[in-house]
């Protein structure tokens, strides 16, 4: 699937944030609804976004549901 530059940048940021989240640091600015809206505006499923970002679909679901909060450096 071809992605535009904005989507690629979003996915890169998401990957970086998840990597930091695994290290256990907080991020109070993450808005799960914005992630969901960004995905939906691109007419992508959670599975498609997960594949494009190199994540599991469950991770995207947890991010969108606010269960998993990405962490920043």
C-alpha atoms as a PDB file:
ATOM      1  CA  UNK A   1       0.000   0.000   0.000  1.00  0.00           C
ATOM      2  CA  UNK A   2       1.342   3.429  -0.957  1.00  0.00           C
ATOM      3  CA  UNK A   3       1.232   6.036   1.804  1.00  0.00           C
ATOM      4  CA  UNK A   4       1.518   9.793   1.506  1.00  0.00           C
ATOM      5  CA  UNK A   5       4.315  11.684   3.242  1.00  0.00           C
ATOM      6  CA  UNK A   6       2.072  12.873   6.080  1.00  0.00           C
ATOM      7  CA  UNK A   7       0.952   9.326   6.845  1.00  0.00           C
ATOM      8  CA  UNK A   8       4.535   8.082   6.705  1.00  0.00           C
ATOM      9  CA  UNK A   9       5.572  10.791   9.180  1.00  0.00           C
ATOM     10  CA  UNK A  10       2.676   9.880  11.472  1.00  0.00           C
ATOM     11  CA  UNK A  11       3.631   6.217  11.365  1.00  0.00           C
ATOM     12  CA  UNK A  12       7.261   6.997  12.084  1.00  0.00           C
ATOM     13  CA  UNK A  13       6.277   9.067  15.100  1.00  0.00           C
ATOM     14  CA  UNK A  14       3.975   6.287  16.279  1.00  0.00           C
ATOM     15  CA  UNK A  15       6.789   3.720  16.020  1.00  0.00           C
ATOM     16  CA  UNK A  16       9.152   5.979  17.911  1.00  0.00           C
ATOM     17  CA  UNK A  17       6.596   6.626  20.629  1.00  0.00           C
ATOM     18  CA  UNK A  18       5.876   2.933  21.041  1.00  0.00           C
ATOM     19  CA  UNK A  19       9.584   2.198  21.337  1.00  0.00           C
ATOM     20  CA  UNK A  20       9.823   4.793  24.087  1.00  0.00           C
ATOM     21  CA  UNK A  21       6.646   3.439  25.714  1.00  0.00           C
ATOM     22  CA  UNK A  22       8.376   0.112  26.120  1.00  0.00           C
ATOM     23  CA  UNK A  23      11.012   1.908  28.164  1.00  0.00           C
ATOM     24  CA  UNK A  24       8.366   3.155  30.615  1.00  0.00           C
ATOM     25  CA  UNK A  25       8.309   6.943  30.437  1.00  0.00           C
ATOM     26  CA  UNK A  26       5.161   9.119  30.549  1.00  0.00           C
ATOM     27  CA  UNK A  27       3.453  11.277  27.930  1.00  0.00           C
ATOM     28  CA  UNK A  28       0.498  13.396  28.975  1.00  0.00           C
ATOM     29  CA  UNK A  29      -0.100  14.949  25.546  1.00  0.00           C
ATOM     30  CA  UNK A  30      -1.180  11.838  23.650  1.00  0.00           C
ATOM     31  CA  UNK A  31      -4.813  11.950  22.524  1.00  0.00           C
ATOM     32  CA  UNK A  32      -6.113   8.483  21.578  1.00  0.00           C
ATOM     33  CA  UNK A  33      -9.080   9.975  19.707  1.00  0.00           C
ATOM     34  CA  UNK A  34      -6.760  11.929  17.407  1.00  0.00           C
ATOM     35  CA  UNK A  35      -4.974   8.723  16.453  1.00  0.00           C
ATOM     36  CA  UNK A  36      -8.298   7.099  15.644  1.00  0.00           C
ATOM     37  CA  UNK A  37      -9.475  10.122  13.649  1.00  0.00           C
ATOM     38  CA  UNK A  38      -6.201  10.253  11.706  1.00  0.00           C
ATOM     39  CA  UNK A  39      -6.512   6.571  10.836  1.00  0.00           C
ATOM     40  CA  UNK A  40     -10.180   6.851   9.871  1.00  0.00           C
ATOM     41  CA  UNK A  41      -9.591   9.970   7.768  1.00  0.00           C
ATOM     42  CA  UNK A  42      -7.170   7.900   5.701  1.00  0.00           C
ATOM     43  CA  UNK A  43      -9.781   5.127   5.459  1.00  0.00           C
ATOM     44  CA  UNK A  44      -7.440   2.658   7.070  1.00  0.00           C
ATOM     45  CA  UNK A  45      -8.376  -0.210   9.339  1.00  0.00           C
ATOM     46  CA  UNK A  46      -6.474  -0.830  12.539  1.00  0.00           C
ATOM     47  CA  UNK A  47      -4.865  -3.822  10.843  1.00  0.00           C
ATOM     48  CA  UNK A  48      -3.731  -1.730   7.882  1.00  0.00           C
ATOM     49  CA  UNK A  49      -2.267   0.940  10.163  1.00  0.00           C
ATOM     50  CA  UNK A  50      -0.585  -1.709  12.281  1.00  0.00           C
ATOM     51  CA  UNK A  51       0.964  -3.332   9.200  1.00  0.00           C
ATOM     52  CA  UNK A  52       2.175   0.019   7.899  1.00  0.00           C
ATOM     53  CA  UNK A  53       3.631   0.950  11.289  1.00  0.00           C
ATOM     54  CA  UNK A  54       5.175  -2.442  12.010  1.00  0.00           C
ATOM     55  CA  UNK A  55       2.958  -2.953  15.045  1.00  0.00           C
ATOM     56  CA  UNK A  56       0.450  -5.552  16.125  1.00  0.00           C
ATOM     57  CA  UNK A  57      -3.210  -4.706  15.510  1.00  0.00           C
ATOM     58  CA  UNK A  58      -3.798  -5.112  19.237  1.00  0.00           C
ATOM     59  CA  UNK A  59      -1.264  -2.383  19.950  1.00  0.00           C
ATOM     60  CA  UNK A  60      -3.135   0.041  17.692  1.00  0.00           C
ATOM     61  CA  UNK A  61      -6.369  -0.935  19.432  1.00  0.00           C
ATOM     62  CA  UNK A  62      -4.840  -0.301  22.860  1.00  0.00           C
ATOM     63  CA  UNK A  63      -3.420   3.049  21.725  1.00  0.00           C
ATOM     64  CA  UNK A  64      -6.772   4.157  20.339  1.00  0.00           C
ATOM     65  CA  UNK A  65      -8.573   2.913  23.443  1.00  0.00           C
ATOM     66  CA  UNK A  66      -6.225   4.763  25.792  1.00  0.00           C
ATOM     67  CA  UNK A  67      -5.113   1.516  27.433  1.00  0.00           C
ATOM     68  CA  UNK A  68      -1.568   1.946  26.143  1.00  0.00           C
ATOM     69  CA  UNK A  69      -0.095   5.434  26.232  1.00  0.00           C
ATOM     70  CA  UNK A  70       2.963   6.045  24.090  1.00  0.00           C
ATOM     71  CA  UNK A  71       5.912   7.473  25.913  1.00  0.00           C
ATOM     72  CA  UNK A  72       8.330  10.124  24.727  1.00  0.00           C
ATOM     73  CA  UNK A  73      12.017  10.657  25.448  1.00  0.00           C
END
